[in-house]
Amino acid sequence: MLARLNHTQLLRYAGLFTWAMAGCWLVIMWIEPEAIAAIPGGEQHAFALLVARWVAVYLSFGVVYWWISRSLGQRRPGFADHALLLVLTASAIAVGFFSGSGTGSILLMVVAGLLPWLLPVRVGVVWLVVSNLAIIPVFVEAIGLPLLVAVVQSLSYVGFSGLVFVTALVARQQAQARDEQRRLNNELRATRALLGESVRVNERTRISRELHDLLGHHLTALSLNLEVAGHLAEDGRVKEHVQQAHTLARLLLTDVREAVSHLRDSGAIDLAVALRPLAENVPALQIHMDVEEPLTMDDPESAHVLLRCAQEIITNAVRHAGARNLWINARRHEGCIVMAARDDGRGADQLVAGNGLRGMRERLAQYGGDLKIETRPEAGFSLQLTLPASAAIAACEGVSA
């Protein structure tokens, strides 16, 4: 059963189990009410109020943890996640205060397992240390420990929480490596599909060339010889057979030429076959691919340029834009391939082209294409690529989105 769970699911269920076990102290208080006497301020008349407060913060911790730990690694943390993380930390400290025990520090260990997934590493380390030091007053006031003992106790829990933090950090790095491997595998599949299309086109071109050069020339020579033989033949029956052979030779030559033309005309690369694998199983991003079928190009190098541009668009949406959705549309328009892409990421007030965007623009320009980019804060990125579909550079003026 455990083999079916990934890293994030294992961490989530382990945290929920730890939270449930931490609630055993509450069960003990219900079973043995005299245990309340061990808690400072725990007179019998305050028992109900104390338990009510503890139940409230304890259940709040469980609900918030259940909600915030969903889909870890499959979504980008936002302001709401950080706010809930603050509520989670405060609930853990409150549990320790109202229970007069180290239960709060145990729950902070559970919080430590979330920090690498929701915060940068440095911020997560600071959060871990500060939250565990913040529980020192709980040890002094609620439990009655001396200050030095409380500090040592808190630092001990910092070490335990640090161990959980490092474990979660390693799990996150492994998950990221797995996602990167999946993305690279998609790119490899797309490149392999494009290579397969290129090999198919090259083979059809080679066969058409061989048919034209060998059979075409020989049949032409045969037809000319038969025509001469028909003029030289005197006997009616011989001349008739020569003319029939001449007719058959011309028909066969016509068939060969039609076959060669068909091979050349149908020997185009279907770009849709190469683009579709890019949209499969991309982590933290839903790709909506709308590609005309078939989307043919007769130049393998131009098709390769468009494939690389599509890969770069997906990479930017995952790594830099913070997008959840990406829409890619590819169509043929007036002799050109027009690819439009937009995401729902954070966008930018001013476009600063990095190496990826500059590389896309340079590749497209090399083959007679163009790249247009639009972006606004909180409105994502929109890109439009145009590239001639033919190896002979065609005019792309007037192409619109």
Protein backbone atom coordinates (compact mmCIF):
# COMPACT_ATOMS: atom_id res chain seq x y z
CA MET A 1 0.00 0.00 0.00
CA LEU A 2 2.78 2.42 0.91
CA ALA A 3 4.41 1.79 -2.46
CA ARG A 4 1.40 3.45 -4.13
CA LEU A 5 1.98 6.74 -2.28
CA ASN A 6 4.40 9.40 -3.50
CA HIS A 7 6.66 11.56 -1.34
CA THR A 8 4.11 14.27 -0.63
CA GLN A 9 1.34 11.83 0.24
CA LEU A 10 3.59 9.96 2.67
CA LEU A 11 4.60 13.20 4.37
CA ARG A 12 1.00 14.36 4.54
CA TYR A 13 -0.35 11.18 6.10
CA ALA A 14 2.61 10.99 8.49
CA GLY A 15 1.82 14.54 9.63
CA LEU A 16 -1.87 13.74 10.09
CA PHE A 17 -0.95 10.62 12.09
CA THR A 18 1.37 12.66 14.33
CA TRP A 19 -1.37 15.24 14.85
CA ALA A 20 -3.84 12.49 15.80
CA MET A 21 -1.38 10.95 18.28
CA ALA A 22 -0.74 14.37 19.81
CA GLY A 23 -4.44 14.47 20.63
CA CYS A 24 -4.03 11.51 22.99
CA TRP A 25 -3.32 13.99 25.79
CA LEU A 26 -6.82 15.38 25.31
CA VAL A 27 -8.26 11.87 25.59
CA ILE A 28 -6.32 11.33 28.83
CA MET A 29 -7.83 14.51 30.25
CA TRP A 30 -11.31 13.25 29.46
CA ILE A 31 -10.64 9.80 30.88
CA GLU A 32 -8.75 11.03 33.96
CA PRO A 33 -9.96 14.51 34.94
CA GLU A 34 -7.54 14.56 37.88
CA ALA A 35 -4.74 15.01 35.35
CA ILE A 36 -5.91 18.61 35.03
CA ALA A 37 -4.38 19.28 38.41
CA ALA A 38 -0.93 18.88 36.89
CA ILE A 39 -1.60 21.86 34.64
CA PRO A 40 -1.02 25.33 36.16
CA GLY A 41 -4.31 27.12 36.49
CA GLY A 42 -6.12 23.86 35.94
CA GLU A 43 -8.67 23.99 38.76
CA GLN A 44 -11.75 21.89 38.30
CA HIS A 45 -14.04 24.83 37.61
CA ALA A 46 -11.79 25.93 34.72
CA PHE A 47 -11.59 22.44 33.23
CA ALA A 48 -14.39 22.88 30.68
CA LEU A 49 -13.07 26.23 29.41
CA LEU A 50 -9.52 24.90 29.16
CA VAL A 51 -10.59 21.84 27.21
CA ALA A 52 -12.79 23.93 24.92
CA ARG A 53 -9.89 26.23 24.04
CA TRP A 54 -7.58 23.33 23.46
CA VAL A 55 -10.08 21.47 21.31
CA ALA A 56 -10.59 24.62 19.22
CA VAL A 57 -6.91 25.22 18.47
CA TYR A 58 -6.17 21.50 18.13
CA LEU A 59 -8.93 20.95 15.58
CA SER A 60 -7.97 24.18 13.83
CA PHE A 61 -4.45 22.82 13.41
CA GLY A 62 -5.75 19.57 11.93
CA VAL A 63 -8.14 21.25 9.49
CA VAL A 64 -5.57 23.80 8.32
CA TYR A 65 -2.89 21.12 7.94
CA TRP A 66 -5.25 18.89 5.95
CA TRP A 67 -6.08 21.79 3.64
CA ILE A 68 -2.62 23.27 3.20
CA SER A 69 -0.92 19.91 2.61
CA ARG A 70 -3.09 18.98 -0.35
CA SER A 71 -1.38 18.75 -3.74
CA LEU A 72 2.05 19.67 -2.40
CA GLY A 73 4.48 20.11 -5.25
CA GLN A 74 1.67 20.25 -7.82
CA ARG A 75 0.74 23.88 -7.26
CA ARG A 76 2.61 27.07 -6.56
CA PRO A 77 2.18 28.40 -3.01
CA GLY A 78 0.57 31.80 -2.80
CA PHE A 79 -0.36 34.38 -0.19
CA ALA A 80 -3.20 32.22 1.14
CA ASP A 81 -0.80 29.34 1.78
CA HIS A 82 1.58 31.58 3.69
CA ALA A 83 -1.28 32.98 5.76
CA LEU A 84 -2.49 29.47 6.59
CA LEU A 85 1.07 28.49 7.50
CA LEU A 86 1.10 31.34 10.02
CA VAL A 87 -2.23 30.13 11.44
CA LEU A 88 -0.85 26.60 11.63
CA THR A 89 2.21 27.75 13.58
CA ALA A 90 0.14 29.86 15.95
CA SER A 91 -2.24 26.94 16.54
CA ALA A 92 0.67 24.64 17.43
CA ILE A 93 2.00 27.15 19.98
CA ALA A 94 -1.51 27.63 21.40
CA VAL A 95 -1.94 23.87 21.80
CA GLY A 96 1.25 23.78 23.86
CA PHE A 97 0.07 26.70 26.01
CA PHE A 98 -3.43 25.38 26.75
CA SER A 99 -2.26 21.81 27.33
CA GLY A 100 0.69 22.82 29.48
CA SER A 101 2.87 20.24 27.70
CA GLY A 102 5.34 19.80 24.89
CA THR A 103 2.55 18.87 22.47
CA GLY A 104 2.93 22.19 20.72
CA SER A 105 6.57 21.47 19.93
CA ILE A 106 5.58 18.10 18.46
CA LEU A 107 3.09 19.85 16.20
CA LEU A 108 5.80 22.32 15.17
CA MET A 109 7.74 19.31 13.92
CA VAL A 110 4.75 18.57 11.71
CA VAL A 111 4.84 22.17 10.48
CA ALA A 112 8.56 21.75 9.71
CA GLY A 113 7.65 19.09 7.15
CA LEU A 114 5.66 21.68 5.18
CA LEU A 115 8.20 24.50 5.17
CA PRO A 116 10.40 23.28 2.25
CA TRP A 117 7.29 22.96 0.06
CA LEU A 118 5.84 26.38 0.85
CA LEU A 119 8.84 28.66 1.48
CA PRO A 120 12.34 29.22 0.11
CA VAL A 121 14.94 27.24 2.02
CA ARG A 122 16.46 30.21 3.87
CA VAL A 123 13.07 31.61 4.84
CA GLY A 124 11.97 28.13 5.93
CA VAL A 125 15.01 27.72 8.22
CA VAL A 126 14.33 31.11 9.83
CA TRP A 127 10.65 30.21 10.25
CA LEU A 128 11.58 26.90 11.88
CA VAL A 129 14.01 28.45 14.39
CA VAL A 130 11.80 31.43 15.30
CA SER A 131 8.66 29.30 15.76
CA ASN A 132 10.48 26.91 18.11
CA LEU A 133 12.04 29.75 20.09
CA ALA A 134 8.61 31.39 20.35
CA ILE A 135 7.45 28.44 22.44
CA ILE A 136 9.98 29.22 25.22
CA PRO A 137 7.43 31.41 27.09
CA VAL A 138 5.03 28.45 26.97
CA PHE A 139 7.59 26.25 28.72
CA VAL A 140 8.21 28.97 31.33
CA GLU A 141 4.66 30.18 31.99
CA ALA A 142 2.41 27.19 31.25
CA ILE A 143 4.71 24.37 32.34
CA GLY A 144 6.80 26.24 34.90
CA LEU A 145 10.26 25.26 33.65
CA PRO A 146 13.27 27.42 34.53
CA LEU A 147 14.32 29.74 31.73
CA LEU A 148 17.57 27.90 31.00
CA VAL A 149 15.82 24.55 30.91
CA ALA A 150 13.13 26.02 28.67
CA VAL A 151 15.77 27.33 26.24
CA VAL A 152 17.55 23.96 26.12
CA GLN A 153 14.22 22.19 25.65
CA SER A 154 13.31 24.51 22.79
CA LEU A 155 16.68 24.08 21.11
CA SER A 156 16.27 20.31 21.36
CA TYR A 157 13.00 20.55 19.49
CA VAL A 158 14.76 22.78 16.93
CA GLY A 159 17.04 19.82 16.24
CA PHE A 160 14.11 17.41 15.90
CA SER A 161 12.25 19.84 13.65
CA GLY A 162 15.42 20.36 11.63
CA LEU A 163 15.58 16.63 10.97
CA VAL A 164 11.99 16.68 9.67
CA PHE A 165 12.77 19.79 7.63
CA VAL A 166 15.77 18.17 5.94
CA THR A 167 13.75 15.02 5.21
CA ALA A 168 11.02 17.08 3.58
CA LEU A 169 13.63 19.11 1.68
CA VAL A 170 15.17 15.93 0.25
CA ALA A 171 11.70 14.69 -0.71
CA ARG A 172 10.97 17.98 -2.47
CA GLN A 173 14.27 17.86 -4.36
CA GLN A 174 13.56 14.31 -5.45
CA ALA A 175 10.07 15.31 -6.58
CA GLN A 176 11.51 18.22 -8.57
CA ALA A 177 14.10 15.92 -10.13
CA ARG A 178 11.34 13.50 -11.09
CA ASP A 179 9.26 16.30 -12.59
CA GLU A 180 12.27 17.59 -14.51
CA GLN A 181 12.93 14.09 -15.78
CA ARG A 182 9.32 13.81 -16.90
CA ARG A 183 9.55 17.14 -18.72
CA LEU A 184 12.79 16.15 -20.44
CA ASN A 185 11.23 12.83 -21.38
CA ASN A 186 8.34 14.69 -23.03
CA GLU A 187 10.82 16.79 -24.96
CA LEU A 188 12.71 13.66 -25.99
CA ARG A 189 9.50 12.03 -27.20
CA ALA A 190 8.59 15.16 -29.16
CA THR A 191 12.06 15.32 -30.71
CA ARG A 192 11.90 11.62 -31.55
CA ALA A 193 8.50 12.11 -33.21
CA LEU A 194 9.90 15.00 -35.26
CA LEU A 195 12.94 12.90 -36.17
CA GLY A 196 10.64 10.08 -37.25
CA GLU A 197 8.70 12.49 -39.43
CA SER A 198 11.94 13.82 -40.93
CA VAL A 199 13.19 10.30 -41.68
CA ARG A 200 9.86 9.46 -43.32
CA VAL A 201 10.01 12.57 -45.48
CA ASN A 202 13.62 11.96 -46.47
CA GLU A 203 12.86 8.35 -47.39
CA ARG A 204 9.89 9.34 -49.52
CA THR A 205 12.00 11.98 -51.24
CA ARG A 206 14.76 9.44 -51.90
CA ILE A 207 12.28 6.91 -53.33
CA SER A 208 10.66 9.54 -55.55
CA ARG A 209 14.08 10.63 -56.81
CA GLU A 210 15.05 7.03 -57.60
CA LEU A 211 11.78 6.42 -59.45
CA HIS A 212 12.22 9.56 -61.45
CA ASP A 213 15.91 9.04 -62.27
CA LEU A 214 15.79 5.31 -63.04
CA LEU A 215 12.36 4.29 -64.26
CA GLY A 216 11.46 7.67 -65.69
CA HIS A 217 14.54 7.94 -67.86
CA HIS A 218 14.38 4.34 -69.00
CA LEU A 219 10.69 4.53 -69.84
CA THR A 220 11.27 7.73 -71.76
CA ALA A 221 14.03 6.04 -73.78
CA LEU A 222 11.81 2.99 -74.32
CA SER A 223 8.94 5.20 -75.53
CA LEU A 224 11.20 7.00 -78.00
CA ASN A 225 12.59 3.72 -79.34
CA LEU A 226 9.10 2.30 -79.78
CA GLU A 227 8.04 5.43 -81.60
CA VAL A 228 10.98 5.04 -83.99
CA ALA A 229 10.20 1.32 -84.42
CA GLY A 230 6.62 2.22 -85.26
CA HIS A 231 7.78 4.49 -88.08
CA LEU A 232 10.14 1.85 -89.43
CA ALA A 233 7.71 -1.07 -89.28
CA GLU A 234 6.20 -1.92 -92.67
CA ASP A 235 4.03 -4.90 -91.79
CA GLY A 236 0.63 -3.87 -90.47
CA ARG A 237 0.49 -6.40 -87.66
CA VAL A 238 4.02 -5.59 -86.45
CA LYS A 239 3.27 -1.89 -86.55
CA GLU A 240 0.07 -2.45 -84.57
CA HIS A 241 1.93 -4.29 -81.78
CA VAL A 242 4.64 -1.64 -81.70
CA GLN A 243 2.03 1.08 -81.35
CA GLN A 244 0.34 -0.83 -78.50
CA ALA A 245 3.69 -1.21 -76.74
CA HIS A 246 4.32 2.51 -77.30
CA THR A 247 0.94 3.35 -75.73
CA LEU A 248 1.63 1.13 -72.73
CA ALA A 249 5.06 2.71 -72.27
CA ARG A 250 3.56 6.20 -72.27
CA LEU A 251 0.87 5.14 -69.78
CA LEU A 252 3.49 3.59 -67.53
CA LEU A 253 5.62 6.74 -67.75
CA THR A 254 2.59 8.83 -66.79
CA ASP A 255 1.90 6.56 -63.79
CA VAL A 256 5.50 6.84 -62.64
CA ARG A 257 5.40 10.63 -62.87
CA GLU A 258 2.13 10.74 -60.91
CA ALA A 259 3.62 8.44 -58.24
CA VAL A 260 6.71 10.65 -57.97
CA SER A 261 4.56 13.78 -57.66
CA HIS A 262 2.39 12.14 -55.00
CA LEU A 263 5.44 11.08 -52.99
CA ARG A 264 6.89 14.57 -53.10
CA ASP A 265 3.61 16.33 -52.34
CA SER A 266 2.77 14.04 -49.39
CA GLY A 267 6.32 14.03 -48.07
CA ALA A 268 5.70 16.81 -45.53
CA ILE A 269 6.34 16.80 -41.79
CA ASP A 270 3.26 16.77 -39.56
CA LEU A 271 4.24 19.17 -36.77
CA ALA A 272 1.18 18.21 -34.69
CA VAL A 273 2.67 14.73 -34.12
CA ALA A 274 5.73 16.32 -32.50
CA LEU A 275 3.89 19.01 -30.50
CA ARG A 276 1.32 16.87 -28.71
CA PRO A 277 3.77 14.88 -26.49
CA LEU A 278 4.96 18.18 -24.98
CA ALA A 279 1.59 18.71 -23.26
CA GLU A 280 1.55 15.38 -21.41
CA ASN A 281 2.20 15.13 -17.65
CA VAL A 282 3.77 18.56 -17.18
CA PRO A 283 4.07 19.19 -13.40
CA ALA A 284 2.17 22.12 -11.87
CA LEU A 285 0.92 23.24 -15.29
CA GLN A 286 -2.18 22.36 -17.30
CA ILE A 287 -1.47 22.70 -21.02
CA HIS A 288 -4.39 23.18 -23.40
CA MET A 289 -3.08 22.24 -26.84
CA ASP A 290 -5.13 23.15 -29.92
CA VAL A 291 -3.20 22.18 -33.06
CA GLU A 292 -4.54 21.95 -36.58
CA GLU A 293 -4.32 18.44 -37.99
CA PRO A 294 -2.44 17.83 -40.12
CA LEU A 295 -0.08 20.78 -39.62
CA THR A 296 2.45 20.06 -42.37
CA MET A 297 5.80 21.65 -43.17
CA ASP A 298 8.18 20.61 -45.91
CA ASP A 299 11.32 21.88 -44.15
CA PRO A 300 12.57 19.71 -41.23
CA GLU A 301 14.77 22.52 -39.89
CA SER A 302 11.87 24.97 -39.70
CA ALA A 303 9.76 22.33 -37.95
CA HIS A 304 12.59 21.81 -35.48
CA VAL A 305 12.68 25.57 -34.78
CA LEU A 306 8.96 25.60 -33.94
CA LEU A 307 9.36 22.54 -31.71
CA ARG A 308 12.18 24.19 -29.77
CA CYS A 309 10.14 27.38 -29.42
CA ALA A 310 7.20 25.40 -28.01
CA GLN A 311 9.53 23.70 -25.53
CA GLU A 312 10.90 27.07 -24.45
CA ILE A 313 7.38 28.46 -23.99
CA ILE A 314 6.44 25.56 -21.71
CA THR A 315 9.69 25.84 -19.74
CA ASN A 316 9.17 29.57 -19.16
CA ALA A 317 5.58 29.02 -18.03
CA VAL A 318 6.70 26.40 -15.49
CA ARG A 319 9.85 28.05 -14.14
CA HIS A 320 9.32 31.79 -14.43
CA ALA A 321 5.71 32.77 -15.09
CA GLY A 322 4.15 30.94 -12.12
CA ALA A 323 1.29 29.91 -14.39
CA ARG A 324 -1.31 27.25 -13.72
CA ASN A 325 -2.65 27.06 -17.28
CA LEU A 326 -1.04 27.44 -20.68
CA TRP A 327 -2.94 27.66 -23.95
CA ILE A 328 -1.11 26.86 -27.21
CA ASN A 329 -2.78 27.26 -30.60
CA ALA A 330 -1.08 26.38 -33.89
CA ARG A 331 -2.62 26.99 -37.32
CA ARG A 332 -1.65 27.44 -40.96
CA HIS A 333 -2.38 30.93 -42.26
CA GLU A 334 -1.46 32.32 -45.68
CA GLY A 335 1.52 30.04 -46.23
CA CYS A 336 2.82 30.43 -42.69
CA ILE A 337 2.56 28.49 -39.46
CA VAL A 338 1.15 30.76 -36.75
CA MET A 339 1.60 29.58 -33.16
CA ALA A 340 -0.07 31.58 -30.37
CA ALA A 341 0.57 30.90 -26.69
CA ARG A 342 -0.72 32.56 -23.52
CA ASP A 343 -0.59 31.72 -19.83
CA ASP A 344 -2.29 32.90 -16.65
CA GLY A 345 0.94 33.61 -14.79
CA ARG A 346 2.08 36.70 -12.95
CA GLY A 347 3.17 38.58 -16.06
CA ALA A 348 5.46 41.60 -15.92
CA ASP A 349 5.21 45.38 -16.02
CA GLN A 350 8.18 45.59 -18.38
CA LEU A 351 9.43 42.81 -20.60
CA VAL A 352 13.03 41.78 -20.00
CA ALA A 353 14.04 39.25 -22.62
CA GLY A 354 16.26 36.51 -21.27
CA ASN A 355 18.39 34.02 -23.14
CA GLY A 356 15.37 31.85 -23.93
CA LEU A 357 13.29 34.60 -25.56
CA ARG A 358 16.28 36.02 -27.41
CA GLY A 359 17.14 32.55 -28.68
CA MET A 360 13.56 32.05 -29.93
CA ARG A 361 13.61 35.39 -31.75
CA GLU A 362 16.99 34.65 -33.36
CA ARG A 363 15.95 31.16 -34.51
CA LEU A 364 12.74 32.43 -36.04
CA ALA A 365 14.47 35.33 -37.78
CA GLN A 366 17.03 32.95 -39.28
CA TYR A 367 14.22 31.14 -41.14
CA GLY A 368 12.17 34.19 -42.03
CA GLY A 369 9.87 34.10 -38.98
CA ASP A 370 8.81 36.62 -36.35
CA LEU A 371 8.00 36.73 -32.63
CA LYS A 372 5.60 39.09 -30.85
CA ILE A 373 5.28 39.23 -27.05
CA GLU A 374 2.71 40.95 -24.86
CA THR A 375 2.56 40.96 -21.06
CA ARG A 376 0.96 42.88 -18.22
CA PRO A 377 1.21 42.45 -14.45
CA GLU A 378 -1.08 39.65 -13.25
CA ALA A 379 -2.19 39.08 -16.86
CA GLY A 380 0.36 36.51 -17.94
CA PHE A 381 2.39 36.32 -21.13
CA SER A 382 1.08 36.17 -24.70
CA LEU A 383 3.33 35.17 -27.59
CA GLN A 384 2.72 34.85 -31.32
CA LEU A 385 5.19 33.08 -33.60
CA THR A 386 5.02 33.11 -37.38
CA LEU A 387 7.21 30.97 -39.62
CA PRO A 388 6.94 30.11 -43.34
CA ALA A 389 5.63 26.59 -43.81
CA SER A 390 7.73 26.09 -46.93
CA ALA A 391 11.48 25.73 -47.21
CA ALA A 392 11.40 28.53 -49.75
CA ILE A 393 11.03 31.62 -47.57
CA ALA A 394 7.52 32.98 -48.14
CA ALA A 395 6.20 36.44 -47.45
CA CYS A 396 4.56 36.57 -44.05
CA GLU A 397 3.31 40.14 -44.20
CA GLY A 398 -0.25 40.58 -43.16
CA VAL A 399 -0.34 37.54 -40.85
CA SER A 400 -2.41 38.35 -37.81
CA ALA A 401 -3.29 36.51 -34.65
